Amino acid sequence: MAAETVFGKIVAGEIPADIVAETERILAFRDIAPQAAVHLVVIPKTAEYANVTELAAGDPELLAELVAVAKRLAEQYANGEYRLIFNNGASAGQTVFHAHAHVLAGGLEERSLVGS
């Protein structure tokens, strides 16, 4: 069983969050420390997968659903233009070890991603 995380506590209703979307298997909410005008976090409700690599290997359909929810949110909040970011591992910036994606949009004009 995966270790309990802040995201698991949000899914369980133990920690409040500003929920923007929910399906049977996916939950999306506003990030508490936004890095852009739009910064949403999209997670599977299961804590079985610590990162996107585990999610892709263990349940590709769930990963596809997560990406589809992210796309719908970007259409709703950002005219369909967005960055979808998965941090995979501590050295890559992952701080919560529950698979999740960040949807970022707006306020990114000054940030240059050379070669991205």
Protein backbone atom coordinates (compact mmCIF):
# COMPACT_ATOMS: atom_id res chain seq x y z
CA MET A 1 0.00 0.00 0.00
CA ALA A 2 1.25 3.49 -0.87
CA ALA A 3 2.23 5.86 1.89
CA GLU A 4 -0.41 8.39 2.87
CA THR A 5 0.13 11.79 1.23
CA VAL A 6 -1.50 15.19 1.28
CA PHE A 7 -3.26 14.24 -1.97
CA GLY A 8 -4.67 11.09 -0.39
CA LYS A 9 -5.97 13.24 2.45
CA ILE A 10 -7.61 15.60 -0.07
CA VAL A 11 -9.29 12.64 -1.79
CA ALA A 12 -10.49 11.39 1.61
CA GLY A 13 -11.89 14.83 2.47
CA GLU A 14 -9.51 15.24 5.41
CA ILE A 15 -7.87 18.33 3.90
CA PRO A 16 -9.97 20.94 2.06
CA ALA A 17 -9.18 21.84 -1.52
CA ASP A 18 -10.67 24.10 -4.18
CA ILE A 19 -12.01 21.30 -6.39
CA VAL A 20 -12.46 22.23 -10.06
CA ALA A 21 -13.31 18.80 -11.52
CA GLU A 22 -14.09 15.29 -10.38
CA THR A 23 -14.84 12.00 -12.05
CA GLU A 24 -15.20 8.56 -10.54
CA ARG A 25 -11.40 8.08 -10.71
CA ILE A 26 -9.90 11.59 -11.06
CA LEU A 27 -9.86 14.71 -8.87
CA ALA A 28 -8.60 18.17 -9.90
CA PHE A 29 -8.05 21.20 -7.72
CA ARG A 30 -6.27 24.55 -7.62
CA ASP A 31 -2.64 24.42 -6.49
CA ILE A 32 -2.12 26.12 -3.11
CA ALA A 33 1.16 27.69 -4.32
CA PRO A 34 0.41 28.60 -7.96
CA GLN A 35 3.28 29.08 -10.37
CA ALA A 36 1.09 30.64 -13.10
CA ALA A 37 -2.24 32.43 -13.46
CA VAL A 38 -3.86 29.03 -13.94
CA HIS A 39 -2.26 26.24 -11.90
CA LEU A 40 -4.37 23.14 -11.38
CA VAL A 41 -3.37 19.74 -10.04
CA VAL A 42 -4.96 16.63 -11.55
CA ILE A 43 -4.65 13.36 -9.63
CA PRO A 44 -5.98 9.83 -9.75
CA LYS A 45 -8.04 9.13 -6.65
CA THR A 46 -6.01 5.98 -6.04
CA ALA A 47 -2.73 6.32 -4.15
CA GLU A 48 -1.43 3.13 -5.77
CA TYR A 49 0.97 4.97 -8.09
CA ALA A 50 3.73 7.21 -6.73
CA ASN A 51 4.56 8.83 -10.08
CA VAL A 52 3.53 9.06 -13.72
CA THR A 53 5.84 6.22 -14.79
CA GLU A 54 4.18 3.81 -12.37
CA LEU A 55 0.75 5.05 -13.46
CA ALA A 56 1.55 4.57 -17.16
CA ALA A 57 2.80 1.03 -16.56
CA GLY A 58 0.08 0.03 -14.11
CA ASP A 59 -3.05 1.64 -15.56
CA PRO A 60 -2.58 3.40 -18.92
CA GLU A 61 -6.34 3.96 -19.21
CA LEU A 62 -6.31 5.91 -15.94
CA LEU A 63 -3.40 8.01 -17.22
CA ALA A 64 -5.35 8.70 -20.42
CA GLU A 65 -8.35 9.79 -18.33
CA LEU A 66 -6.13 12.09 -16.26
CA VAL A 67 -4.79 13.72 -19.44
CA ALA A 68 -8.32 14.06 -20.85
CA VAL A 69 -9.50 15.82 -17.67
CA ALA A 70 -6.45 18.11 -17.85
CA LYS A 71 -7.32 18.98 -21.46
CA ARG A 72 -10.94 19.77 -20.55
CA LEU A 73 -9.78 22.00 -17.71
CA ALA A 74 -7.38 23.82 -20.02
CA GLU A 75 -10.24 24.43 -22.45
CA GLN A 76 -12.36 25.78 -19.60
CA TYR A 77 -9.73 27.90 -17.82
CA ALA A 78 -7.11 28.72 -20.48
CA ASN A 79 -8.63 28.70 -23.98
CA GLY A 80 -7.05 25.29 -24.55
CA GLU A 81 -3.46 26.52 -24.33
CA TYR A 82 -1.51 25.00 -21.46
CA ARG A 83 1.51 23.14 -20.18
CA LEU A 84 1.00 19.70 -18.69
CA ILE A 85 3.81 18.87 -16.28
CA PHE A 86 4.64 15.61 -14.54
CA ASN A 87 7.55 15.74 -12.09
CA ASN A 88 8.96 12.23 -11.74
CA GLY A 89 11.25 11.80 -8.73
CA ALA A 90 12.61 14.06 -6.01
CA SER A 91 15.51 15.38 -8.09
CA ALA A 92 13.00 16.38 -10.79
CA GLY A 93 10.97 18.44 -8.32
CA GLN A 94 8.37 15.89 -7.23
CA THR A 95 7.44 16.59 -3.61
CA VAL A 96 4.21 14.58 -3.29
CA PHE A 97 4.64 10.93 -4.18
CA HIS A 98 1.14 10.36 -5.50
CA ALA A 99 0.98 10.45 -9.31
CA HIS A 100 -0.24 13.85 -10.48
CA ALA A 101 -0.05 16.41 -13.26
CA HIS A 102 0.15 20.18 -13.13
CA VAL A 103 -1.90 22.19 -15.63
CA LEU A 104 -0.28 25.61 -16.06
CA ALA A 105 -1.42 28.47 -18.25
CA GLY A 106 -1.20 32.24 -18.39
CA GLY A 107 1.58 34.31 -16.89
CA LEU A 108 4.21 32.19 -18.64
CA GLU A 109 5.23 34.72 -21.29
CA GLU A 110 8.44 35.76 -19.52
CA ARG A 111 9.61 32.19 -19.01
CA SER A 112 11.68 30.82 -21.87
CA LEU A 113 12.09 27.09 -22.23
CA VAL A 114 14.97 26.77 -24.65
CA GLY A 115 14.82 23.47 -26.50
CA SER A 116 11.55 22.35 -24.89
